[in-house]
C-alpha cells in the first residue's frame, strides 16, 4: 500500500505523465484535435459542438488540459479563448519518438524503376 502511494505521487508530478494523462480522454482528445485543426484560438463555447457534452463538462476538460500544459487561455469579457501550446505538442512528439525508439523516423522514399521506351 505504501509503495503504491509513493508511485502514485510520482506519476502525478511527472510532467510527461501529466501531459499524456491530459490527452487520455475522448473528449479532451476531440478538443485538442479541434484546436490543432483551427490553427488558432477557439472560444470555449465552440467546443460543445465537437464534443457532444454540456458546457460544464467542457469546462472541466479544458481545466484538465490547461493544468497538463496542453492549452493556454485568455479571458475577453465573458468569453474565454483557448489555444494549443506549441511546447506541449513538441514535448509529445519527443516523448512519442523516444518511446518508438526510432520507429517513427520517416521512411526513405522508394526509387521507382526507370522505364525505357521501346525502340
Protein backbone atom coordinates (compact mmCIF):
# COMPACT_ATOMS: atom_id res chain seq x y z
CA UNK A 1 0.00 0.00 0.00
CA UNK A 2 2.79 2.45 0.91
CA UNK A 3 4.67 1.65 -2.32
CA UNK A 4 1.53 2.27 -4.40
CA UNK A 5 1.07 5.64 -2.70
CA UNK A 6 4.65 6.65 -3.50
CA UNK A 7 4.33 5.50 -7.12
CA UNK A 8 1.04 7.33 -7.50
CA UNK A 9 2.55 10.54 -6.13
CA UNK A 10 5.48 10.25 -8.54
CA UNK A 11 3.19 9.73 -11.51
CA UNK A 12 1.05 12.72 -10.57
CA UNK A 13 4.05 15.07 -10.59
CA UNK A 14 5.89 13.72 -13.64
CA UNK A 15 5.36 16.28 -16.45
CA UNK A 16 5.34 13.59 -19.15
CA UNK A 17 2.70 11.62 -17.26
CA UNK A 18 0.59 14.73 -16.78
CA UNK A 19 0.85 15.52 -20.48
CA UNK A 20 -0.22 12.03 -21.51
CA UNK A 21 -2.98 11.84 -18.91
CA UNK A 22 -4.26 15.20 -20.09
CA UNK A 23 -4.84 13.86 -23.59
CA UNK A 24 -6.05 10.41 -22.50
CA UNK A 25 -9.78 11.06 -22.73
CA UNK A 26 -12.02 11.04 -25.82
CA UNK A 27 -13.47 14.49 -25.06
CA UNK A 28 -10.08 16.06 -24.37
CA UNK A 29 -8.65 14.45 -27.48
CA UNK A 30 -11.52 15.92 -29.52
CA UNK A 31 -10.77 19.35 -28.04
CA UNK A 32 -7.08 19.01 -28.92
CA UNK A 33 -7.96 17.93 -32.45
CA UNK A 34 -10.28 20.91 -32.89
CA UNK A 35 -7.58 23.30 -31.66
CA UNK A 36 -4.99 21.71 -33.97
CA UNK A 37 -7.35 21.91 -36.96
CA UNK A 38 -8.20 25.54 -36.21
CA UNK A 39 -4.55 26.51 -36.04
CA UNK A 40 -5.55 29.46 -33.88
CA UNK A 41 -7.50 30.14 -30.73
CA UNK A 42 -11.01 28.79 -30.20
CA UNK A 43 -13.73 30.11 -27.92
CA UNK A 44 -14.72 27.73 -25.13
CA UNK A 45 -18.32 27.95 -26.30
CA UNK A 46 -17.35 26.29 -29.61
CA UNK A 47 -16.22 23.02 -28.03
CA UNK A 48 -19.71 21.80 -27.08
CA UNK A 49 -20.48 21.05 -30.74
CA UNK A 50 -17.39 18.89 -31.35
CA UNK A 51 -17.62 17.01 -28.08
CA UNK A 52 -21.38 16.49 -27.69
CA UNK A 53 -21.19 17.32 -23.96
CA UNK A 54 -22.59 20.11 -21.81
CA UNK A 55 -20.65 23.31 -21.16
CA UNK A 56 -19.75 22.41 -17.54
CA UNK A 57 -18.17 19.17 -18.80
CA UNK A 58 -16.24 21.07 -21.47
CA UNK A 59 -15.02 23.49 -18.79
CA UNK A 60 -13.80 20.58 -16.69
CA UNK A 61 -11.88 19.06 -19.60
CA UNK A 62 -10.38 22.43 -20.55
CA UNK A 63 -9.17 22.87 -16.96
CA UNK A 64 -7.50 19.43 -17.10
CA UNK A 65 -5.84 20.31 -20.42
CA UNK A 66 -4.67 23.65 -19.02
CA UNK A 67 -3.20 22.00 -15.91
CA UNK A 68 -1.46 19.38 -18.06
CA UNK A 69 0.10 22.14 -20.16
CA UNK A 70 -1.71 21.36 -23.42
CA UNK A 71 -3.57 24.67 -23.69
CA UNK A 72 -3.45 28.24 -22.50
CA UNK A 73 -6.40 30.57 -22.21
CA UNK A 74 -7.26 34.24 -22.37
CA UNK A 75 -10.43 35.80 -21.00
CA UNK A 76 -12.05 38.51 -23.10
CA UNK A 77 -15.12 39.97 -21.41
CA UNK A 78 -17.35 36.96 -20.72
CA UNK A 79 -15.65 34.68 -23.25
CA UNK A 80 -12.57 32.50 -22.77
CA UNK A 81 -10.39 31.64 -25.76
CA UNK A 82 -8.07 28.62 -25.80
CA UNK A 83 -5.01 27.88 -27.89
CA UNK A 84 -2.83 24.82 -28.23
CA UNK A 85 0.60 25.22 -26.63
CA UNK A 86 3.39 24.53 -29.13
CA UNK A 87 5.69 23.42 -26.29
CA UNK A 88 3.24 20.68 -25.31
CA UNK A 89 2.99 19.44 -28.89
CA UNK A 90 6.80 19.39 -29.16
CA UNK A 91 7.09 17.53 -25.84
CA UNK A 92 4.51 14.99 -27.01
CA UNK A 93 6.35 14.45 -30.30
CA UNK A 94 9.65 13.98 -28.46
CA UNK A 95 8.08 11.58 -25.99
CA UNK A 96 6.43 9.56 -28.74
CA UNK A 97 9.74 9.45 -30.64
CA UNK A 98 11.58 8.27 -27.52
CA UNK A 99 9.02 5.54 -26.94
CA UNK A 100 9.16 4.39 -30.55
CA UNK A 101 12.93 4.09 -30.41
CA UNK A 102 13.38 5.43 -33.90
CA UNK A 103 10.41 3.57 -35.35
CA UNK A 104 8.78 6.91 -36.18
CA UNK A 105 11.64 8.01 -38.42
CA UNK A 106 10.36 9.00 -41.83
CA UNK A 107 10.68 6.27 -44.40
CA UNK A 108 13.15 6.94 -47.16
CA UNK A 109 11.47 7.43 -50.50
CA UNK A 110 11.46 4.34 -52.64
CA UNK A 111 13.14 4.69 -56.01
CA UNK A 112 10.82 3.95 -58.89
CA UNK A 113 12.12 1.81 -61.71
CA UNK A 114 13.11 3.69 -64.82
CA UNK A 115 11.03 2.71 -67.81
CA UNK A 116 12.85 2.80 -71.13
CA UNK A 117 10.85 3.44 -74.28
CA UNK A 118 10.70 0.58 -76.75
CA UNK A 119 12.69 1.38 -79.90
